[in-house]
Amino acid sequence: QVQLVESGGGLVQAGGSLRLSCAASGSIFTINIMGWYRQALGKQRELVAKINSAGSTIYADSVKGRFTISRDNARNTVYLQMNSLKFEDTAVYYCNGGPQTDWGQGTQVTVSR
């Protein structure tokens, strides 16, 4: 089972940017789809973005045009570039690659108004 460690979160003003990283304990080369998810306080976890091994991406409507997911298989790392952050983006962000991966601790993103 591949373990994942998310990092890069923090406190940022609305309109600002953050880049999240998800480092895997093993190879993600064979994991077709890697995704970023988030869970706001009192809400269910939701999909933010996914990327497959060919580099095709899918985004939640709420983040389209603002967030960019990418992956570096050589570094076993998945990234989430977040621009034009909004208060509503405040949440704990997690990455996951399906049954082959464990859920990590997540990284807190807080956007102030």
N, C-alpha and C. Protein backbone atom coordinates (compact mmCIF):
# COMPACT_ATOMS: atom_id res chain seq x y z
N GLN A 1 0.84 -1.19 0.00
CA GLN A 1 0.00 0.00 0.00
C GLN A 1 0.89 1.25 0.00
N VAL A 2 0.63 2.15 -0.94
CA VAL A 2 1.40 3.37 -1.02
C VAL A 2 0.85 4.40 -0.04
N GLN A 3 1.75 4.95 0.76
CA GLN A 3 1.33 5.99 1.70
C GLN A 3 1.58 7.36 1.09
N LEU A 4 0.71 8.29 1.45
CA LEU A 4 0.76 9.62 0.86
C LEU A 4 0.91 10.67 1.95
N VAL A 5 1.73 11.66 1.68
CA VAL A 5 1.93 12.76 2.62
C VAL A 5 1.69 14.08 1.89
N GLU A 6 0.68 14.80 2.35
CA GLU A 6 0.35 16.08 1.75
C GLU A 6 1.06 17.21 2.48
N SER A 7 1.42 18.24 1.74
CA SER A 7 2.08 19.40 2.34
C SER A 7 1.80 20.64 1.49
N GLY A 8 2.14 21.80 2.03
CA GLY A 8 2.03 23.03 1.27
C GLY A 8 0.86 23.91 1.65
N GLY A 9 0.02 23.42 2.56
CA GLY A 9 -1.10 24.23 2.98
C GLY A 9 -0.67 25.41 3.85
N GLY A 10 -1.63 26.23 4.20
CA GLY A 10 -1.33 27.37 5.05
C GLY A 10 -2.46 28.37 5.05
N LEU A 11 -2.15 29.54 5.60
CA LEU A 11 -3.11 30.63 5.66
C LEU A 11 -2.77 31.64 4.56
N VAL A 12 -3.77 31.99 3.77
CA VAL A 12 -3.53 32.92 2.65
C VAL A 12 -4.74 33.83 2.52
N GLN A 13 -4.51 35.03 2.04
CA GLN A 13 -5.62 35.95 1.81
C GLN A 13 -6.35 35.58 0.53
N ALA A 14 -7.60 35.94 0.48
CA ALA A 14 -8.38 35.72 -0.75
C ALA A 14 -7.67 36.37 -1.93
N GLY A 15 -7.64 35.62 -3.04
CA GLY A 15 -6.92 36.10 -4.21
C GLY A 15 -5.50 35.58 -4.30
N GLY A 16 -5.03 34.99 -3.22
CA GLY A 16 -3.66 34.49 -3.19
C GLY A 16 -3.53 33.10 -3.80
N SER A 17 -2.32 32.56 -3.69
CA SER A 17 -2.01 31.25 -4.30
C SER A 17 -1.29 30.35 -3.32
N LEU A 18 -1.45 29.08 -3.52
CA LEU A 18 -0.70 28.05 -2.78
C LEU A 18 -0.43 26.91 -3.74
N ARG A 19 0.63 26.17 -3.47
CA ARG A 19 0.94 24.96 -4.23
C ARG A 19 1.04 23.81 -3.27
N LEU A 20 0.15 22.86 -3.41
CA LEU A 20 0.16 21.67 -2.57
C LEU A 20 0.96 20.56 -3.23
N SER A 21 1.61 19.76 -2.39
CA SER A 21 2.36 18.61 -2.88
C SER A 21 1.85 17.35 -2.18
N CYS A 22 1.89 16.27 -2.90
CA CYS A 22 1.51 14.96 -2.35
C CYS A 22 2.63 13.99 -2.69
N ALA A 23 3.40 13.64 -1.67
CA ALA A 23 4.54 12.75 -1.86
C ALA A 23 4.16 11.32 -1.52
N ALA A 24 4.45 10.41 -2.43
CA ALA A 24 4.10 9.00 -2.23
C ALA A 24 5.31 8.22 -1.73
N SER A 25 5.03 7.23 -0.89
CA SER A 25 6.11 6.39 -0.33
C SER A 25 6.64 5.39 -1.34
N GLY A 26 5.90 5.17 -2.42
CA GLY A 26 6.32 4.25 -3.46
C GLY A 26 5.98 4.82 -4.83
N SER A 27 6.16 4.01 -5.82
CA SER A 27 5.94 4.46 -7.19
C SER A 27 4.47 4.73 -7.47
N ILE A 28 4.19 5.84 -8.13
CA ILE A 28 2.83 6.12 -8.59
C ILE A 28 2.72 5.87 -10.09
N PHE A 29 3.79 5.34 -10.68
CA PHE A 29 3.81 5.13 -12.13
C PHE A 29 2.68 4.22 -12.59
N THR A 30 2.38 3.22 -11.75
CA THR A 30 1.33 2.25 -12.13
C THR A 30 -0.06 2.64 -11.65
N ILE A 31 -0.15 3.75 -10.97
CA ILE A 31 -1.46 4.21 -10.50
C ILE A 31 -2.04 5.14 -11.56
N ASN A 32 -3.10 4.68 -12.22
CA ASN A 32 -3.63 5.43 -13.35
C ASN A 32 -4.14 6.80 -12.95
N ILE A 33 -5.00 6.84 -11.95
CA ILE A 33 -5.64 8.10 -11.60
C ILE A 33 -5.23 8.53 -10.19
N MET A 34 -4.72 9.74 -10.11
CA MET A 34 -4.43 10.36 -8.82
C MET A 34 -5.34 11.58 -8.68
N GLY A 35 -5.83 11.80 -7.48
CA GLY A 35 -6.75 12.90 -7.30
C GLY A 35 -6.48 13.71 -6.04
N TRP A 36 -6.96 14.93 -6.07
CA TRP A 36 -6.98 15.78 -4.87
C TRP A 36 -8.43 15.94 -4.43
N TYR A 37 -8.62 15.85 -3.14
CA TYR A 37 -9.93 15.96 -2.54
C TYR A 37 -9.85 16.99 -1.42
N ARG A 38 -11.01 17.48 -0.97
CA ARG A 38 -11.00 18.38 0.17
C ARG A 38 -12.24 18.16 1.02
N GLN A 39 -12.08 18.50 2.29
CA GLN A 39 -13.19 18.38 3.22
C GLN A 39 -13.24 19.62 4.09
N ALA A 40 -14.28 20.39 3.91
CA ALA A 40 -14.49 21.57 4.75
C ALA A 40 -15.18 21.15 6.03
N LEU A 41 -15.07 21.97 7.05
CA LEU A 41 -15.64 21.66 8.35
C LEU A 41 -17.14 21.45 8.23
N GLY A 42 -17.59 20.30 8.71
CA GLY A 42 -19.01 20.01 8.69
C GLY A 42 -19.56 19.55 7.35
N LYS A 43 -18.68 19.34 6.38
CA LYS A 43 -19.12 18.92 5.06
C LYS A 43 -18.45 17.60 4.66
N GLN A 44 -19.01 16.98 3.64
CA GLN A 44 -18.43 15.73 3.15
C GLN A 44 -17.20 16.00 2.29
N ARG A 45 -16.33 15.01 2.22
CA ARG A 45 -15.17 15.11 1.36
C ARG A 45 -15.63 15.16 -0.09
N GLU A 46 -15.00 16.02 -0.88
CA GLU A 46 -15.39 16.16 -2.28
C GLU A 46 -14.16 16.15 -3.18
N LEU A 47 -14.38 15.72 -4.41
CA LEU A 47 -13.31 15.70 -5.39
C LEU A 47 -13.00 17.12 -5.86
N VAL A 48 -11.72 17.44 -5.93
CA VAL A 48 -11.28 18.73 -6.44
C VAL A 48 -10.76 18.58 -7.88
N ALA A 49 -9.88 17.60 -8.08
CA ALA A 49 -9.28 17.41 -9.41
C ALA A 49 -8.70 16.01 -9.50
N LYS A 50 -8.67 15.49 -10.72
CA LYS A 50 -8.05 14.19 -10.98
C LYS A 50 -7.15 14.29 -12.19
N ILE A 51 -6.13 13.41 -12.22
CA ILE A 51 -5.25 13.34 -13.38
C ILE A 51 -4.93 11.88 -13.65
N ASN A 52 -4.97 11.48 -14.91
CA ASN A 52 -4.63 10.09 -15.21
C ASN A 52 -3.19 9.99 -15.70
N SER A 53 -2.76 8.79 -16.00
CA SER A 53 -1.37 8.57 -16.36
C SER A 53 -0.99 9.23 -17.68
N ALA A 54 -1.99 9.53 -18.50
CA ALA A 54 -1.71 10.20 -19.77
C ALA A 54 -1.70 11.72 -19.62
N GLY A 55 -2.03 12.18 -18.43
CA GLY A 55 -2.03 13.62 -18.18
C GLY A 55 -3.37 14.29 -18.38
N SER A 56 -4.40 13.53 -18.68
CA SER A 56 -5.73 14.11 -18.81
C SER A 56 -6.27 14.48 -17.43
N THR A 57 -6.97 15.60 -17.38
CA THR A 57 -7.41 16.12 -16.08
C THR A 57 -8.92 16.37 -16.06
N ILE A 58 -9.45 16.32 -14.85
CA ILE A 58 -10.85 16.66 -14.60
C ILE A 58 -10.87 17.54 -13.36
N TYR A 59 -11.71 18.58 -13.40
CA TYR A 59 -11.81 19.51 -12.27
C TYR A 59 -13.25 19.68 -11.83
N ALA A 60 -13.42 19.90 -10.53
CA ALA A 60 -14.72 20.31 -10.04
C ALA A 60 -15.05 21.68 -10.63
N ASP A 61 -16.33 21.91 -10.89
CA ASP A 61 -16.74 23.19 -11.48
C ASP A 61 -16.27 24.38 -10.64
N SER A 62 -16.25 24.19 -9.33
CA SER A 62 -15.93 25.29 -8.42
C SER A 62 -14.48 25.74 -8.52
N VAL A 63 -13.61 24.91 -9.11
CA VAL A 63 -12.18 25.27 -9.17
C VAL A 63 -11.66 25.41 -10.58
N LYS A 64 -12.48 25.13 -11.57
CA LYS A 64 -12.04 25.22 -12.96
C LYS A 64 -11.50 26.61 -13.28
N GLY A 65 -10.36 26.63 -13.94
CA GLY A 65 -9.75 27.89 -14.31
C GLY A 65 -8.89 28.51 -13.22
N ARG A 66 -8.95 27.95 -12.02
CA ARG A 66 -8.16 28.49 -10.91
C ARG A 66 -7.13 27.49 -10.39
N PHE A 67 -7.47 26.21 -10.43
CA PHE A 67 -6.58 25.16 -9.91
C PHE A 67 -6.00 24.34 -11.07
N THR A 68 -4.78 23.85 -10.87
CA THR A 68 -4.14 22.98 -11.86
C THR A 68 -3.50 21.80 -11.16
N ILE A 69 -3.89 20.60 -11.58
CA ILE A 69 -3.29 19.39 -11.03
C ILE A 69 -2.21 18.91 -11.99
N SER A 70 -1.13 18.38 -11.42
CA SER A 70 -0.07 17.81 -12.25
C SER A 70 0.58 16.67 -11.47
N ARG A 71 1.34 15.85 -12.18
CA ARG A 71 2.01 14.74 -11.53
C ARG A 71 3.41 14.59 -12.09
N ASP A 72 4.33 14.17 -11.24
CA ASP A 72 5.70 13.89 -11.62
C ASP A 72 5.99 12.46 -11.19
N ASN A 73 5.83 11.53 -12.12
CA ASN A 73 6.01 10.12 -11.77
C ASN A 73 7.44 9.81 -11.33
N ALA A 74 8.40 10.52 -11.86
CA ALA A 74 9.80 10.28 -11.49
C ALA A 74 10.05 10.64 -10.03
N ARG A 75 9.32 11.64 -9.54
CA ARG A 75 9.44 12.05 -8.14
C ARG A 75 8.33 11.49 -7.26
N ASN A 76 7.46 10.68 -7.86
CA ASN A 76 6.33 10.09 -7.11
C ASN A 76 5.55 11.17 -6.35
N THR A 77 5.28 12.24 -7.04
CA THR A 77 4.63 13.39 -6.42
C THR A 77 3.52 13.93 -7.31
N VAL A 78 2.45 14.33 -6.67
CA VAL A 78 1.33 14.98 -7.36
C VAL A 78 1.19 16.39 -6.78
N TYR A 79 0.89 17.34 -7.62
CA TYR A 79 0.81 18.73 -7.20
C TYR A 79 -0.58 19.30 -7.45
N LEU A 80 -0.91 20.33 -6.69
CA LEU A 80 -2.13 21.10 -6.95
C LEU A 80 -1.77 22.57 -6.81
N GLN A 81 -1.71 23.25 -7.94
CA GLN A 81 -1.48 24.69 -7.94
C GLN A 81 -2.82 25.38 -7.80
N MET A 82 -2.95 26.20 -6.78
CA MET A 82 -4.21 26.86 -6.50
C MET A 82 -4.02 28.37 -6.59
N ASN A 83 -4.70 28.98 -7.53
CA ASN A 83 -4.63 30.43 -7.72
C ASN A 83 -6.00 31.05 -7.47
N SER A 84 -6.00 32.36 -7.29
CA SER A 84 -7.26 33.10 -7.07
C SER A 84 -8.10 32.44 -5.99
N LEU A 85 -7.47 32.13 -4.89
CA LEU A 85 -8.16 31.41 -3.81
C LEU A 85 -9.30 32.22 -3.24
N LYS A 86 -10.35 31.49 -2.87
CA LYS A 86 -11.54 32.10 -2.29
C LYS A 86 -11.76 31.56 -0.88
N PHE A 87 -12.52 32.29 -0.09
CA PHE A 87 -12.83 31.84 1.26
C PHE A 87 -13.42 30.43 1.23
N GLU A 88 -14.24 30.17 0.22
CA GLU A 88 -14.92 28.87 0.12
C GLU A 88 -13.94 27.71 -0.15
N ASP A 89 -12.70 27.99 -0.49
CA ASP A 89 -11.70 26.94 -0.71
C ASP A 89 -11.10 26.45 0.60
N THR A 90 -11.46 27.08 1.70
CA THR A 90 -10.95 26.66 3.00
C THR A 90 -11.37 25.23 3.30
N ALA A 91 -10.40 24.37 3.58
CA ALA A 91 -10.67 22.95 3.82
C ALA A 91 -9.36 22.24 4.11
N VAL A 92 -9.49 20.98 4.52
CA VAL A 92 -8.34 20.10 4.56
C VAL A 92 -8.26 19.39 3.21
N TYR A 93 -7.10 19.43 2.60
CA TYR A 93 -6.90 18.87 1.27
C TYR A 93 -6.13 17.55 1.37
N TYR A 94 -6.64 16.55 0.66
CA TYR A 94 -6.06 15.23 0.65
C TYR A 94 -5.78 14.79 -0.79
N CYS A 95 -4.80 13.92 -0.96
CA CYS A 95 -4.64 13.27 -2.26
C CYS A 95 -4.90 11.77 -2.09
N ASN A 96 -5.23 11.13 -3.18
CA ASN A 96 -5.52 9.70 -3.13
C ASN A 96 -5.43 9.11 -4.51
N GLY A 97 -5.06 7.84 -4.56
CA GLY A 97 -4.94 7.16 -5.84
C GLY A 97 -5.72 5.86 -5.89
N GLY A 98 -6.81 5.80 -5.14
CA GLY A 98 -7.65 4.62 -5.19
C GLY A 98 -7.17 3.53 -4.24
N PRO A 99 -7.56 2.29 -4.50
CA PRO A 99 -7.29 1.18 -3.57
C PRO A 99 -5.81 0.93 -3.30
N GLN A 100 -4.93 1.38 -4.21
CA GLN A 100 -3.50 1.14 -4.02
C GLN A 100 -2.88 2.11 -3.03
N THR A 101 -3.64 3.12 -2.58
CA THR A 101 -3.07 4.15 -1.72
C THR A 101 -3.87 4.31 -0.43
N ASP A 102 -3.18 4.75 0.60
CA ASP A 102 -3.84 5.10 1.86
C ASP A 102 -4.19 6.58 1.84
N TRP A 103 -5.16 6.95 2.66
CA TRP A 103 -5.43 8.37 2.86
C TRP A 103 -4.39 8.94 3.82
N GLY A 104 -3.84 10.10 3.47
CA GLY A 104 -2.88 10.75 4.35
C GLY A 104 -3.58 11.61 5.38
N GLN A 105 -2.80 12.42 6.08
CA GLN A 105 -3.33 13.29 7.12
C GLN A 105 -3.96 14.55 6.53
N GLY A 106 -3.61 14.84 5.29
CA GLY A 106 -4.14 16.05 4.68
C GLY A 106 -3.33 17.28 5.04
N THR A 107 -3.62 18.36 4.36
CA THR A 107 -2.97 19.63 4.66
C THR A 107 -4.04 20.72 4.69
N GLN A 108 -3.99 21.53 5.73
CA GLN A 108 -5.03 22.53 5.94
C GLN A 108 -4.77 23.76 5.07
N VAL A 109 -5.80 24.17 4.36
CA VAL A 109 -5.76 25.42 3.58
C VAL A 109 -6.82 26.34 4.17
N THR A 110 -6.39 27.50 4.60
CA THR A 110 -7.31 28.49 5.16
C THR A 110 -7.19 29.78 4.36
N VAL A 111 -8.31 30.23 3.82
CA VAL A 111 -8.33 31.45 3.02
C VAL A 111 -9.12 32.51 3.79
N SER A 112 -8.47 33.60 4.09
CA SER A 112 -9.14 34.67 4.83
C SER A 112 -9.81 35.63 3.84
N ARG A 113 -10.90 36.21 4.29
CA ARG A 113 -11.66 37.10 3.41
C ARG A 113 -10.86 38.37 3.12
